[in-house]
Each structure stands twice: as structure tokens, then as C-alpha cells.
Amino acid sequence: MLSVLSVKGIIDTGGLKFDGVFTENLPEERIDRDDLTDVLISRVRNTPTSFGNDDFNQVDNMVSIQIFYSKNFDENIEQFEIKIMKLMLANGWYINDNKSPYTDPDTKQVIKVFLFSKTETIQEEE
């Protein structure tokens, strides 16, 4: 399964409050919506590793999770982000970077970016 779809499944079933969870691109109609809390999951890296016998046996995946917080977000953001990190860690994804939140100059939304990675062994298809 593609790494972004795997992470989307984790986020979708993780019990977190989001209005939308998207992969690779936000839909056009969501870009300037400051009344919704959306998540964008993007692939950052997909690198072959663990070489042997003229082949590779593992893939190092990295994904970016961007959270676009609604202006009306009513939870403690720091506690909410801890839940995300714990959810990803519980599913075998490691925290590579936890960037400082910033405010979008146009929408005034708070945006948070995480980078998570996971090395997966390739299962040979029969």
C-alpha cells in the first residue's frame, strides 16, 4: 500500500477531529476555507534500502502531515498534536521533524507540519 494511503487510514481511524483528510493535494474548494480543520498527507521520500543479491529488500518512506487548523478549533492544539504523534508512533511511524506552527498570511490559519518515517520490508509477490 502506498505510504500516504497507509497514513490516511491511520488518521481516518484514529479518533481525531478533522473535517477532511486528503492525500497529495487539497481540493480547490478547500484551499481558502478557514472554518475547517483539514489534513494534507504528502509523500516526501520513498528510498530503497537494505541492498543484497543485486536487489533491495526495504523501502524507507517519509510522509509530511500538514494540519490546517480552523479559526474555530476548540481543542488544546498542543495536546491535539501530542495525540497525533502518539497515534503515528503506535503504528510504527517515527517522528523525524516537528516543525513550529506558523500562521498563513492570507487565511490567518495556524498550520502545523510533521515529518514521519517508516522503513518497510518488501514482501515478495508470488
N, C-alpha and C. Protein backbone atom coordinates (compact mmCIF):
# COMPACT_ATOMS: atom_id res chain seq x y z
N MET A 1 0.84 -1.17 0.00
CA MET A 1 0.00 0.00 0.00
C MET A 1 0.89 1.24 0.00
N LEU A 2 0.51 2.25 -0.73
CA LEU A 2 1.26 3.49 -0.74
C LEU A 2 1.32 4.10 0.66
N SER A 3 2.45 4.71 0.98
CA SER A 3 2.64 5.26 2.32
C SER A 3 1.59 6.31 2.67
N VAL A 4 1.23 7.18 1.72
CA VAL A 4 0.24 8.21 2.04
C VAL A 4 -1.14 7.60 2.33
N LEU A 5 -1.47 6.52 1.63
CA LEU A 5 -2.76 5.87 1.88
C LEU A 5 -2.75 5.14 3.22
N SER A 6 -1.61 4.55 3.56
CA SER A 6 -1.47 3.90 4.85
C SER A 6 -1.66 4.91 5.98
N VAL A 7 -1.01 6.06 5.87
CA VAL A 7 -1.12 7.10 6.90
C VAL A 7 -2.53 7.68 6.93
N LYS A 8 -3.15 7.85 5.77
CA LYS A 8 -4.53 8.33 5.74
C LYS A 8 -5.44 7.37 6.52
N GLY A 9 -5.24 6.08 6.35
CA GLY A 9 -6.03 5.10 7.09
C GLY A 9 -5.82 5.23 8.60
N ILE A 10 -4.59 5.48 9.00
CA ILE A 10 -4.30 5.66 10.43
C ILE A 10 -5.02 6.89 10.96
N ILE A 11 -4.92 8.00 10.23
CA ILE A 11 -5.55 9.26 10.66
C ILE A 11 -7.07 9.13 10.65
N ASP A 12 -7.62 8.52 9.60
CA ASP A 12 -9.08 8.36 9.48
C ASP A 12 -9.67 7.57 10.63
N THR A 13 -8.94 6.56 11.12
CA THR A 13 -9.50 5.68 12.16
C THR A 13 -8.93 5.99 13.55
N GLY A 14 -8.18 7.08 13.67
CA GLY A 14 -7.50 7.39 14.93
C GLY A 14 -8.32 8.14 15.95
N GLY A 15 -9.57 8.46 15.64
CA GLY A 15 -10.43 9.14 16.60
C GLY A 15 -10.11 10.63 16.76
N LEU A 16 -9.43 11.22 15.79
CA LEU A 16 -9.10 12.64 15.86
C LEU A 16 -10.15 13.45 15.09
N LYS A 17 -10.34 14.68 15.52
CA LYS A 17 -11.38 15.53 14.95
C LYS A 17 -10.83 16.36 13.79
N PHE A 18 -11.10 15.90 12.56
CA PHE A 18 -10.73 16.63 11.35
C PHE A 18 -11.96 16.76 10.47
N ASP A 19 -12.04 17.83 9.70
CA ASP A 19 -13.13 17.98 8.75
C ASP A 19 -12.82 17.24 7.45
N GLY A 20 -11.54 17.11 7.12
CA GLY A 20 -11.17 16.40 5.91
C GLY A 20 -9.73 15.92 6.00
N VAL A 21 -9.47 14.74 5.42
CA VAL A 21 -8.12 14.18 5.35
C VAL A 21 -7.87 13.89 3.87
N PHE A 22 -6.81 14.52 3.33
CA PHE A 22 -6.54 14.44 1.90
C PHE A 22 -5.10 13.98 1.66
N THR A 23 -4.87 13.40 0.49
CA THR A 23 -3.52 12.97 0.12
C THR A 23 -3.05 13.76 -1.10
N GLU A 24 -1.80 14.15 -1.05
CA GLU A 24 -1.07 14.82 -2.13
C GLU A 24 -1.51 16.25 -2.44
N ASN A 25 -2.81 16.53 -2.54
CA ASN A 25 -3.29 17.89 -2.85
C ASN A 25 -4.59 18.17 -2.10
N LEU A 26 -4.73 19.41 -1.66
CA LEU A 26 -6.03 19.83 -1.13
C LEU A 26 -6.95 20.11 -2.31
N PRO A 27 -8.21 19.72 -2.21
CA PRO A 27 -9.16 20.07 -3.27
C PRO A 27 -9.27 21.59 -3.39
N GLU A 28 -9.46 22.07 -4.58
CA GLU A 28 -9.53 23.52 -4.86
C GLU A 28 -10.49 24.24 -3.91
N GLU A 29 -11.64 23.62 -3.66
CA GLU A 29 -12.67 24.28 -2.83
C GLU A 29 -12.29 24.34 -1.35
N ARG A 30 -11.22 23.65 -0.93
CA ARG A 30 -10.81 23.66 0.48
C ARG A 30 -9.65 24.62 0.75
N ILE A 31 -9.01 25.13 -0.27
CA ILE A 31 -7.77 25.87 -0.10
C ILE A 31 -7.93 27.10 0.78
N ASP A 32 -8.95 27.88 0.60
CA ASP A 32 -9.11 29.11 1.38
C ASP A 32 -10.15 29.01 2.49
N ARG A 33 -10.52 27.81 2.87
CA ARG A 33 -11.54 27.62 3.92
C ARG A 33 -10.88 27.71 5.28
N ASP A 34 -11.13 28.77 6.01
CA ASP A 34 -10.56 28.93 7.34
C ASP A 34 -11.50 28.44 8.43
N ASP A 35 -12.65 27.90 8.04
CA ASP A 35 -13.63 27.39 9.00
C ASP A 35 -13.55 25.86 9.14
N LEU A 36 -12.57 25.24 8.49
CA LEU A 36 -12.42 23.79 8.52
C LEU A 36 -11.01 23.42 8.99
N THR A 37 -10.90 22.30 9.68
CA THR A 37 -9.60 21.76 10.06
C THR A 37 -9.33 20.58 9.15
N ASP A 38 -8.40 20.78 8.24
CA ASP A 38 -8.07 19.76 7.24
C ASP A 38 -6.64 19.26 7.43
N VAL A 39 -6.41 18.05 6.93
CA VAL A 39 -5.08 17.44 6.97
C VAL A 39 -4.68 17.11 5.54
N LEU A 40 -3.42 17.40 5.21
CA LEU A 40 -2.87 17.04 3.92
C LEU A 40 -1.68 16.13 4.17
N ILE A 41 -1.72 14.93 3.59
CA ILE A 41 -0.65 13.94 3.73
C ILE A 41 0.05 13.84 2.38
N SER A 42 1.37 14.07 2.39
CA SER A 42 2.15 14.05 1.15
C SER A 42 3.36 13.15 1.32
N ARG A 43 3.75 12.50 0.23
CA ARG A 43 4.96 11.68 0.25
C ARG A 43 6.17 12.59 0.11
N VAL A 44 7.14 12.37 0.97
CA VAL A 44 8.38 13.14 0.93
C VAL A 44 9.51 12.31 0.35
N ARG A 45 9.54 11.03 0.75
CA ARG A 45 10.64 10.17 0.31
C ARG A 45 10.16 8.73 0.22
N ASN A 46 10.74 8.01 -0.72
CA ASN A 46 10.47 6.59 -0.91
C ASN A 46 11.76 6.00 -1.46
N THR A 47 12.69 5.67 -0.56
CA THR A 47 14.04 5.31 -0.95
C THR A 47 14.33 3.83 -0.69
N PRO A 48 14.81 3.11 -1.70
CA PRO A 48 15.20 1.71 -1.48
C PRO A 48 16.38 1.63 -0.50
N THR A 49 16.36 0.63 0.38
CA THR A 49 17.45 0.40 1.34
C THR A 49 17.66 -1.09 1.48
N SER A 50 18.62 -1.46 2.28
CA SER A 50 18.92 -2.85 2.60
C SER A 50 19.18 -3.66 1.33
N PHE A 51 20.29 -3.33 0.68
CA PHE A 51 20.64 -3.97 -0.58
C PHE A 51 21.34 -5.31 -0.35
N GLY A 52 21.10 -6.24 -1.25
CA GLY A 52 21.76 -7.54 -1.23
C GLY A 52 21.34 -8.36 -2.44
N ASN A 53 22.23 -9.16 -2.95
CA ASN A 53 21.94 -10.01 -4.12
C ASN A 53 21.41 -9.19 -5.29
N ASP A 54 22.05 -8.05 -5.55
CA ASP A 54 21.68 -7.18 -6.67
C ASP A 54 20.23 -6.71 -6.62
N ASP A 55 19.70 -6.51 -5.41
CA ASP A 55 18.32 -6.07 -5.24
C ASP A 55 18.22 -5.30 -3.92
N PHE A 56 17.09 -4.70 -3.66
CA PHE A 56 16.85 -4.07 -2.36
C PHE A 56 15.69 -4.78 -1.69
N ASN A 57 15.71 -4.77 -0.35
CA ASN A 57 14.73 -5.53 0.42
C ASN A 57 13.81 -4.67 1.28
N GLN A 58 14.14 -3.39 1.40
CA GLN A 58 13.33 -2.49 2.21
C GLN A 58 13.18 -1.15 1.50
N VAL A 59 12.15 -0.42 1.92
CA VAL A 59 11.92 0.93 1.42
C VAL A 59 11.76 1.85 2.62
N ASP A 60 12.52 2.95 2.60
CA ASP A 60 12.42 3.97 3.65
C ASP A 60 11.42 5.02 3.17
N ASN A 61 10.28 5.08 3.84
CA ASN A 61 9.22 6.02 3.48
C ASN A 61 9.21 7.20 4.44
N MET A 62 8.95 8.39 3.91
CA MET A 62 8.74 9.56 4.75
C MET A 62 7.52 10.30 4.21
N VAL A 63 6.66 10.72 5.13
CA VAL A 63 5.48 11.50 4.76
C VAL A 63 5.45 12.79 5.55
N SER A 64 4.80 13.76 4.95
CA SER A 64 4.54 15.04 5.60
C SER A 64 3.06 15.07 5.96
N ILE A 65 2.77 15.47 7.18
CA ILE A 65 1.38 15.68 7.59
C ILE A 65 1.25 17.17 7.92
N GLN A 66 0.45 17.86 7.11
CA GLN A 66 0.18 19.27 7.35
C GLN A 66 -1.23 19.40 7.90
N ILE A 67 -1.35 20.15 8.99
CA ILE A 67 -2.66 20.39 9.59
C ILE A 67 -2.99 21.86 9.39
N PHE A 68 -4.14 22.11 8.80
CA PHE A 68 -4.64 23.47 8.61
C PHE A 68 -5.77 23.66 9.62
N TYR A 69 -5.47 24.31 10.73
CA TYR A 69 -6.44 24.44 11.81
C TYR A 69 -7.51 25.48 11.47
N SER A 70 -8.75 25.13 11.77
CA SER A 70 -9.85 26.07 11.66
C SER A 70 -9.63 27.22 12.65
N LYS A 71 -10.11 28.39 12.29
CA LYS A 71 -10.05 29.52 13.23
C LYS A 71 -10.90 29.23 14.46
N ASN A 72 -11.86 28.31 14.33
CA ASN A 72 -12.77 27.96 15.44
C ASN A 72 -12.32 26.70 16.17
N PHE A 73 -11.12 26.22 15.93
CA PHE A 73 -10.66 24.98 16.55
C PHE A 73 -10.74 25.13 18.06
N ASP A 74 -11.47 24.22 18.72
CA ASP A 74 -11.76 24.41 20.14
C ASP A 74 -11.03 23.45 21.08
N GLU A 75 -10.05 22.72 20.57
CA GLU A 75 -9.26 21.85 21.43
C GLU A 75 -7.92 22.51 21.73
N ASN A 76 -7.26 22.02 22.77
CA ASN A 76 -5.90 22.46 23.06
C ASN A 76 -5.00 21.93 21.96
N ILE A 77 -4.43 22.83 21.16
CA ILE A 77 -3.64 22.42 19.99
C ILE A 77 -2.44 21.58 20.39
N GLU A 78 -1.77 21.94 21.46
CA GLU A 78 -0.59 21.17 21.87
C GLU A 78 -0.97 19.74 22.24
N GLN A 79 -2.04 19.57 23.01
CA GLN A 79 -2.50 18.22 23.37
C GLN A 79 -2.96 17.44 22.14
N PHE A 80 -3.60 18.13 21.21
CA PHE A 80 -4.07 17.51 19.98
C PHE A 80 -2.89 16.98 19.16
N GLU A 81 -1.83 17.77 19.08
CA GLU A 81 -0.65 17.36 18.33
C GLU A 81 0.08 16.20 19.01
N ILE A 82 0.05 16.16 20.31
CA ILE A 82 0.62 15.01 21.03
C ILE A 82 -0.14 13.74 20.69
N LYS A 83 -1.47 13.83 20.57
CA LYS A 83 -2.28 12.67 20.18
C LYS A 83 -1.86 12.16 18.79
N ILE A 84 -1.62 13.08 17.87
CA ILE A 84 -1.20 12.70 16.52
C ILE A 84 0.14 11.98 16.56
N MET A 85 1.10 12.54 17.31
CA MET A 85 2.42 11.92 17.39
C MET A 85 2.34 10.54 18.02
N LYS A 86 1.54 10.39 19.08
CA LYS A 86 1.40 9.09 19.73
C LYS A 86 0.70 8.08 18.82
N LEU A 87 -0.30 8.54 18.06
CA LEU A 87 -1.00 7.68 17.13
C LEU A 87 -0.06 7.15 16.05
N MET A 88 0.74 8.04 15.49
CA MET A 88 1.68 7.62 14.45
C MET A 88 2.74 6.69 15.01
N LEU A 89 3.27 7.00 16.17
CA LEU A 89 4.29 6.16 16.80
C LEU A 89 3.73 4.77 17.11
N ALA A 90 2.49 4.70 17.57
CA ALA A 90 1.85 3.42 17.87
C ALA A 90 1.67 2.57 16.62
N ASN A 91 1.69 3.21 15.45
CA ASN A 91 1.54 2.50 14.18
C ASN A 91 2.85 2.33 13.44
N GLY A 92 3.97 2.48 14.16
CA GLY A 92 5.28 2.19 13.59
C GLY A 92 5.94 3.33 12.83
N TRP A 93 5.37 4.51 12.88
CA TRP A 93 5.95 5.68 12.21
C TRP A 93 6.73 6.50 13.22
N TYR A 94 7.93 6.90 12.85
CA TYR A 94 8.81 7.66 13.75
C TYR A 94 8.76 9.14 13.41
N ILE A 95 8.87 9.96 14.43
CA ILE A 95 8.82 11.41 14.28
C ILE A 95 10.20 11.90 13.83
N ASN A 96 10.28 12.42 12.61
CA ASN A 96 11.54 12.96 12.10
C ASN A 96 11.65 14.45 12.34
N ASP A 97 10.54 15.15 12.25
CA ASP A 97 10.56 16.59 12.47
C ASP A 97 9.19 17.03 12.93
N ASN A 98 9.21 17.95 13.84
CA ASN A 98 8.01 18.51 14.43
C ASN A 98 8.19 20.03 14.33
N LYS A 99 7.87 20.56 13.17
CA LYS A 99 8.14 21.97 12.90
C LYS A 99 7.24 22.89 13.73
N SER A 100 7.73 24.08 13.99
CA SER A 100 6.92 25.07 14.72
C SER A 100 5.71 25.47 13.89
N PRO A 101 4.57 25.66 14.56
CA PRO A 101 3.40 26.11 13.81
C PRO A 101 3.64 27.52 13.27
N TYR A 102 2.96 27.84 12.19
CA TYR A 102 3.04 29.19 11.64
C TYR A 102 1.64 29.62 11.20
N THR A 103 1.48 30.89 10.98
CA THR A 103 0.18 31.43 10.58
C THR A 103 0.22 31.80 9.10
N ASP A 104 -0.76 31.29 8.36
CA ASP A 104 -0.86 31.62 6.95
C ASP A 104 -1.18 33.11 6.82
N PRO A 105 -0.41 33.85 6.02
CA PRO A 105 -0.64 35.30 5.93
C PRO A 105 -1.98 35.67 5.29
N ASP A 106 -2.54 34.80 4.45
CA ASP A 106 -3.80 35.11 3.78
C ASP A 106 -5.02 34.72 4.62
N THR A 107 -5.05 33.46 5.06
CA THR A 107 -6.24 32.98 5.78
C THR A 107 -6.15 33.19 7.29
N LYS A 108 -4.95 33.47 7.78
CA LYS A 108 -4.69 33.63 9.22
C LYS A 108 -4.88 32.33 9.99
N GLN A 109 -4.89 31.20 9.28
CA GLN A 109 -4.99 29.90 9.93
C GLN A 109 -3.63 29.48 10.48
N VAL A 110 -3.67 28.77 11.59
CA VAL A 110 -2.46 28.15 12.11
C VAL A 110 -2.22 26.87 11.32
N ILE A 111 -0.97 26.68 10.88
CA ILE A 111 -0.60 25.49 10.11
C ILE A 111 0.55 24.80 10.82
N LYS A 112 0.44 23.50 10.95
CA LYS A 112 1.47 22.69 11.61
C LYS A 112 1.94 21.63 10.62
N VAL A 113 3.26 21.37 10.59
CA VAL A 113 3.82 20.36 9.71
C VAL A 113 4.64 19.36 10.52
N PHE A 114 4.35 18.09 10.32
CA PHE A 114 5.12 16.99 10.89
C PHE A 114 5.75 16.19 9.77
N LEU A 115 6.90 15.59 10.03
CA LEU A 115 7.50 14.61 9.13
C LEU A 115 7.64 13.30 9.89
N PHE A 116 7.12 12.22 9.31
CA PHE A 116 7.19 10.90 9.91
C PHE A 116 7.84 9.94 8.92
N SER A 117 8.58 8.95 9.44
CA SER A 117 9.20 7.96 8.56
C SER A 117 8.98 6.55 9.09
N LYS A 118 9.07 5.61 8.15
CA LYS A 118 8.92 4.20 8.47
C LYS A 118 9.65 3.39 7.42
N THR A 119 10.47 2.44 7.87
CA THR A 119 11.14 1.54 6.95
C THR A 119 10.33 0.25 6.89
N GLU A 120 9.98 -0.13 5.66
CA GLU A 120 9.14 -1.31 5.48
C GLU A 120 9.88 -2.35 4.63
N THR A 121 9.77 -3.59 5.06
CA THR A 121 10.33 -4.70 4.30
C THR A 121 9.40 -5.03 3.16
N ILE A 122 9.99 -5.25 2.00
CA ILE A 122 9.22 -5.56 0.80
C ILE A 122 8.82 -7.04 0.86
N GLN A 123 7.54 -7.27 0.72
CA GLN A 123 7.03 -8.65 0.67
C GLN A 123 7.01 -9.08 -0.79
N GLU A 124 7.71 -10.14 -1.09
CA GLU A 124 7.75 -10.65 -2.47
C GLU A 124 6.38 -11.21 -2.83
N GLU A 125 5.89 -10.82 -4.00
CA GLU A 125 4.60 -11.34 -4.50
C GLU A 125 4.85 -12.68 -5.19
N GLU A 126 3.94 -13.56 -4.97
CA GLU A 126 4.09 -14.90 -5.57
C GLU A 126 3.18 -15.06 -6.75
